[in-house]
Amino acid sequence: MLEPTGPLPPEIYWRRRILAIGVSVVVLALVIWLVVALTGGDDPDRNPEPAAAEVTTSATTTAADASADAASASTTRSGGSSGSSGTRSAGDSASEDADDEDNTSTSATTSAAPVPPGQCSDQSLAVRVTADEPNYRVGSEPDFTIVITNIGTSQCERDLGAGLQQVLVYSLDGNERLWANTDCFPESTADIRSLAPGDQAAYSVKWSATTSEPGCQAPREPVGPGAYTVVGQLGGLRSAPEPFNITP
């Protein structure tokens, strides 16, 4: 029964049988795989992504809870600080109000007015001020020179009026403002200058070697011997401080 019969050689019939068996095995394997795939089986590793999603969600929830706790603690600390500050004495409040007024006055003196459209920007200019001599005797009146230079690449115009130029004298450490040329003699006359790249405009300012404050209401006292600095300002530009001395 197993011996092939027919007009062809037996090898051909054996090959046909083997091929038919192989095809049947492949078809059977495909059918089994398809059934397993459709039913899902009981694979414990099935759907790993939802598990990962659960871990991510849990971590996010934990971080959010920690953030909420931190915010609550911060609010508690802030409330405690507010309660402490509410116990300040009336004398402290009055002192701080006086300091605020002084700071406001100084800020108003050195604040920069906006540059009108079409004029040289602050970025295209440089300001420098120097004392004409390194040392002055007590009782003399120091002379300063303020120089404005166009460091840009194009010609432009700028109002260099005396009211917009400030020359200020400070203590050597810069903590005490002693005088400004606009305190007692404010001017509003315009002085429009056209400056090509590299052009300079120089102005001389004389100081009476006495103190002054904005508005010139306080008594003006002569300054004593010591080391001082002078600073120039135009708009939002301020020069580096230059030292000079007043000697006995």
Protein backbone atom coordinates (compact mmCIF):
# COMPACT_ATOMS: atom_id res chain seq x y z
CA MET A 1 0.00 0.00 0.00
CA LEU A 2 2.94 2.29 0.74
CA GLU A 3 4.70 1.45 -2.51
CA PRO A 4 3.79 4.01 -5.14
CA THR A 5 2.29 2.65 -8.36
CA GLY A 6 2.01 4.36 -11.64
CA PRO A 7 3.70 5.00 -14.93
CA LEU A 8 6.23 7.47 -13.33
CA PRO A 9 9.35 6.58 -11.37
CA PRO A 10 8.76 5.95 -7.60
CA GLU A 11 10.98 8.97 -6.62
CA ILE A 12 8.48 11.38 -8.09
CA TYR A 13 5.60 9.92 -6.08
CA TRP A 14 7.66 10.08 -2.85
CA ARG A 15 8.50 13.72 -3.46
CA ARG A 16 4.82 14.53 -4.04
CA ARG A 17 3.87 12.81 -0.75
CA ILE A 18 6.56 14.67 1.20
CA LEU A 19 5.49 18.00 -0.33
CA ALA A 20 1.84 17.33 0.51
CA ILE A 21 2.74 16.45 4.10
CA GLY A 22 4.87 19.60 4.46
CA VAL A 23 2.11 21.83 3.12
CA SER A 24 -0.40 20.20 5.52
CA VAL A 25 1.90 20.84 8.49
CA VAL A 26 2.36 24.50 7.53
CA VAL A 27 -1.38 25.00 7.08
CA LEU A 28 -2.07 23.34 10.44
CA ALA A 29 0.50 25.58 12.18
CA LEU A 30 -1.04 28.71 10.65
CA VAL A 31 -4.50 27.66 11.77
CA ILE A 32 -3.27 27.06 15.35
CA TRP A 33 -1.45 30.44 15.44
CA LEU A 34 -4.54 32.23 14.11
CA VAL A 35 -6.76 30.62 16.75
CA VAL A 36 -4.33 31.57 19.53
CA ALA A 37 -4.03 35.12 18.25
CA LEU A 38 -7.80 35.60 18.10
CA THR A 39 -8.56 34.08 21.48
CA GLY A 40 -5.64 35.87 23.18
CA GLY A 41 -4.62 32.84 25.17
CA ASP A 42 -3.50 33.14 28.76
CA ASP A 43 -0.13 34.84 28.13
CA PRO A 44 0.81 36.66 31.37
CA ASP A 45 2.87 39.19 29.39
CA ARG A 46 -0.13 40.29 27.31
CA ASN A 47 -0.79 44.07 27.13
CA PRO A 48 2.32 45.39 28.89
CA GLU A 49 1.57 48.97 27.87
CA PRO A 50 -1.43 49.50 30.19
CA ALA A 51 0.76 48.47 33.12
CA ALA A 52 3.34 51.05 32.14
CA ALA A 53 0.59 53.62 31.83
CA GLU A 54 -0.58 52.79 35.33
CA VAL A 55 2.95 53.27 36.70
CA THR A 56 3.29 56.64 34.92
CA THR A 57 -0.08 57.80 36.20
CA SER A 58 0.81 56.77 39.73
CA ALA A 59 4.15 58.59 39.59
CA THR A 60 2.48 61.72 38.23
CA THR A 61 -0.15 61.63 40.96
CA THR A 62 2.54 61.26 43.62
CA ALA A 63 4.51 64.22 42.20
CA ALA A 64 1.35 66.32 42.11
CA ASP A 65 0.61 65.44 45.74
CA ALA A 66 4.18 66.42 46.72
CA SER A 67 3.82 69.75 44.88
CA ALA A 68 0.54 70.43 46.65
CA ASP A 69 2.17 69.71 50.02
CA ALA A 70 5.07 72.03 49.21
CA ALA A 71 2.68 74.80 48.15
CA SER A 72 0.72 74.37 51.36
CA ALA A 73 3.91 74.61 53.44
CA SER A 74 5.00 77.71 51.51
CA THR A 75 1.62 79.34 52.14
CA THR A 76 1.91 78.58 55.83
CA ARG A 77 5.38 80.13 56.04
CA SER A 78 4.23 83.19 54.11
CA GLY A 79 1.31 83.67 56.46
CA GLY A 80 3.67 83.44 59.44
CA SER A 81 5.96 86.06 57.94
CA SER A 82 3.04 88.38 57.29
CA GLY A 83 1.92 88.04 60.88
CA SER A 84 5.39 88.95 62.14
CA SER A 85 5.68 91.98 59.91
CA GLY A 86 2.35 93.24 61.20
CA THR A 87 3.88 93.81 64.65
CA ARG A 88 6.29 96.57 63.53
CA SER A 89 6.21 99.69 65.62
CA ALA A 90 4.94 103.03 64.36
CA GLY A 91 8.48 104.42 64.66
CA ASP A 92 9.82 101.77 62.25
CA SER A 93 7.06 102.56 59.75
CA ALA A 94 7.77 106.28 59.91
CA SER A 95 11.49 105.64 59.41
CA GLU A 96 10.85 103.45 56.34
CA ASP A 97 8.49 106.07 54.90
CA ALA A 98 11.19 108.71 55.25
CA ASP A 99 13.73 106.42 53.55
CA ASP A 100 11.27 105.79 50.71
CA GLU A 101 10.85 109.54 50.18
CA ASP A 102 14.64 110.04 50.06
CA ASN A 103 15.03 107.18 47.58
CA THR A 104 12.25 108.55 45.42
CA SER A 105 13.85 111.99 45.37
CA THR A 106 17.26 110.61 44.38
CA SER A 107 15.73 108.36 41.72
CA ALA A 108 13.81 111.29 40.23
CA THR A 109 17.02 113.31 40.02
CA THR A 110 18.97 110.65 38.11
CA SER A 111 16.11 109.13 36.11
CA ALA A 112 16.50 109.21 32.37
CA ALA A 113 13.96 110.90 30.15
CA PRO A 114 13.03 108.86 27.06
CA VAL A 115 14.98 109.69 23.93
CA PRO A 116 12.73 111.45 21.38
CA PRO A 117 12.15 109.50 18.16
CA GLY A 118 14.69 110.18 15.42
CA GLN A 119 17.51 111.16 17.78
CA CYS A 120 20.70 109.25 18.56
CA SER A 121 19.95 106.29 20.77
CA ASP A 122 21.79 105.78 24.04
CA GLN A 123 23.47 102.73 22.51
CA SER A 124 25.16 104.89 19.86
CA LEU A 125 26.68 107.35 22.36
CA ALA A 126 29.34 107.24 25.06
CA VAL A 127 29.71 109.66 27.96
CA ARG A 128 32.87 110.49 29.88
CA VAL A 129 33.56 113.12 32.51
CA THR A 130 36.89 114.14 33.98
CA ALA A 131 38.16 116.61 36.53
CA ASP A 132 40.39 119.17 34.85
CA GLU A 133 42.93 118.69 37.66
CA PRO A 134 43.53 115.72 39.96
CA ASN A 135 43.81 117.93 43.08
CA TYR A 136 42.03 121.09 44.19
CA ARG A 137 42.69 123.20 47.25
CA VAL A 138 39.96 123.84 49.78
CA GLY A 139 38.07 126.97 48.74
CA SER A 140 38.73 126.58 45.01
CA GLU A 141 36.05 125.65 42.49
CA PRO A 142 36.76 122.41 40.61
CA ASP A 143 36.20 122.33 36.85
CA PHE A 144 34.83 119.26 35.09
CA THR A 145 34.60 118.40 31.39
CA ILE A 146 31.87 116.13 30.07
CA VAL A 147 32.40 114.64 26.61
CA ILE A 148 29.70 112.94 24.51
CA THR A 149 30.98 110.76 21.64
CA ASN A 150 29.07 109.16 18.75
CA ILE A 151 30.31 105.56 18.83
CA GLY A 152 27.72 104.41 16.29
CA THR A 153 28.15 103.80 12.57
CA SER A 154 25.86 106.53 11.23
CA GLN A 155 25.32 110.25 11.68
CA CYS A 156 22.51 111.25 14.01
CA GLU A 157 21.18 114.15 16.07
CA ARG A 158 20.74 114.43 19.83
CA ASP A 159 19.57 117.14 22.20
CA LEU A 160 22.59 117.89 24.38
CA GLY A 161 21.03 120.77 26.28
CA ALA A 162 22.48 121.60 29.70
CA GLY A 163 19.28 120.44 31.39
CA LEU A 164 19.80 116.94 29.99
CA GLN A 165 23.45 116.74 31.00
CA GLN A 166 24.17 115.89 34.59
CA VAL A 167 27.49 116.11 36.37
CA LEU A 168 27.31 114.60 39.84
CA VAL A 169 29.83 114.50 42.68
CA TYR A 170 29.86 111.59 45.12
CA SER A 171 31.94 110.46 48.03
CA LEU A 172 34.80 108.17 47.04
CA ASP A 173 32.81 105.02 47.83
CA GLY A 174 29.84 106.32 45.81
CA ASN A 175 27.41 105.98 48.70
CA GLU A 176 26.84 109.70 49.33
CA ARG A 177 25.62 112.08 46.64
CA LEU A 178 26.98 115.55 47.33
CA TRP A 179 26.09 117.71 44.34
CA ALA A 180 24.64 117.83 40.82
CA ASN A 181 24.80 120.71 38.36
CA THR A 182 21.02 120.57 37.83
CA ASP A 183 20.04 120.82 41.51
CA CYS A 184 20.04 124.62 41.75
CA PHE A 185 20.28 125.68 38.09
CA PRO A 186 17.94 123.50 36.00
CA GLU A 187 17.78 124.48 32.35
CA SER A 188 15.39 123.49 29.59
CA THR A 189 17.04 125.13 26.57
CA ALA A 190 17.52 122.62 23.76
CA ASP A 191 20.88 122.17 22.07
CA ILE A 192 20.43 119.86 19.08
CA ARG A 193 23.78 118.60 17.82
CA SER A 194 24.44 116.55 14.67
CA LEU A 195 27.14 113.99 15.36
CA ALA A 196 28.91 111.96 12.69
CA PRO A 197 30.52 108.68 13.70
CA GLY A 198 33.44 109.52 16.00
CA ASP A 199 32.35 113.15 16.57
CA GLN A 200 32.53 114.54 20.09
CA ALA A 201 30.76 117.34 21.93
CA ALA A 202 32.50 118.69 25.03
CA TYR A 203 31.08 120.90 27.77
CA SER A 204 32.65 122.48 30.86
CA VAL A 205 30.97 122.56 34.25
CA LYS A 206 32.20 124.41 37.35
CA TRP A 207 31.45 123.26 40.88
CA SER A 208 31.33 125.66 43.83
CA ALA A 209 32.60 122.84 46.11
CA THR A 210 29.42 123.02 48.19
CA THR A 211 26.69 120.47 48.73
CA SER A 212 23.27 120.65 47.09
CA GLU A 213 20.04 118.69 46.83
CA PRO A 214 17.37 118.54 44.11
CA GLY A 215 15.36 121.76 44.28
CA CYS A 216 18.17 123.54 46.13
CA GLN A 217 16.09 123.92 49.31
CA ALA A 218 18.62 122.62 51.83
CA PRO A 219 21.51 124.82 53.05
CA ARG A 220 24.63 124.45 50.94
CA GLU A 221 27.65 123.45 52.99
CA PRO A 222 31.28 123.57 51.79
CA VAL A 223 32.88 120.15 51.46
CA GLY A 224 36.06 119.41 53.34
CA PRO A 225 39.32 117.86 52.25
CA GLY A 226 39.09 114.30 50.98
CA ALA A 227 38.76 112.05 47.96
CA TYR A 228 35.68 112.29 45.74
CA THR A 229 34.37 111.00 42.42
CA VAL A 230 32.58 112.73 39.57
CA VAL A 231 30.06 111.02 37.27
CA GLY A 232 28.52 112.25 34.02
CA GLN A 233 25.06 111.36 32.79
CA LEU A 234 23.08 111.94 29.59
CA GLY A 235 19.68 110.31 29.37
CA GLY A 236 20.15 106.69 30.37
CA LEU A 237 23.92 106.86 29.94
CA ARG A 238 26.24 107.15 32.93
CA SER A 239 29.98 107.46 32.77
CA ALA A 240 32.43 105.58 34.92
CA PRO A 241 33.29 107.48 38.13
CA GLU A 242 36.47 109.55 37.95
CA PRO A 243 38.34 110.29 41.21
CA PHE A 244 39.76 113.65 42.29
CA ASN A 245 40.92 115.18 45.56
CA ILE A 246 40.32 118.29 47.62
CA THR A 247 43.38 119.06 49.71
CA PRO A 248 43.85 121.40 52.70
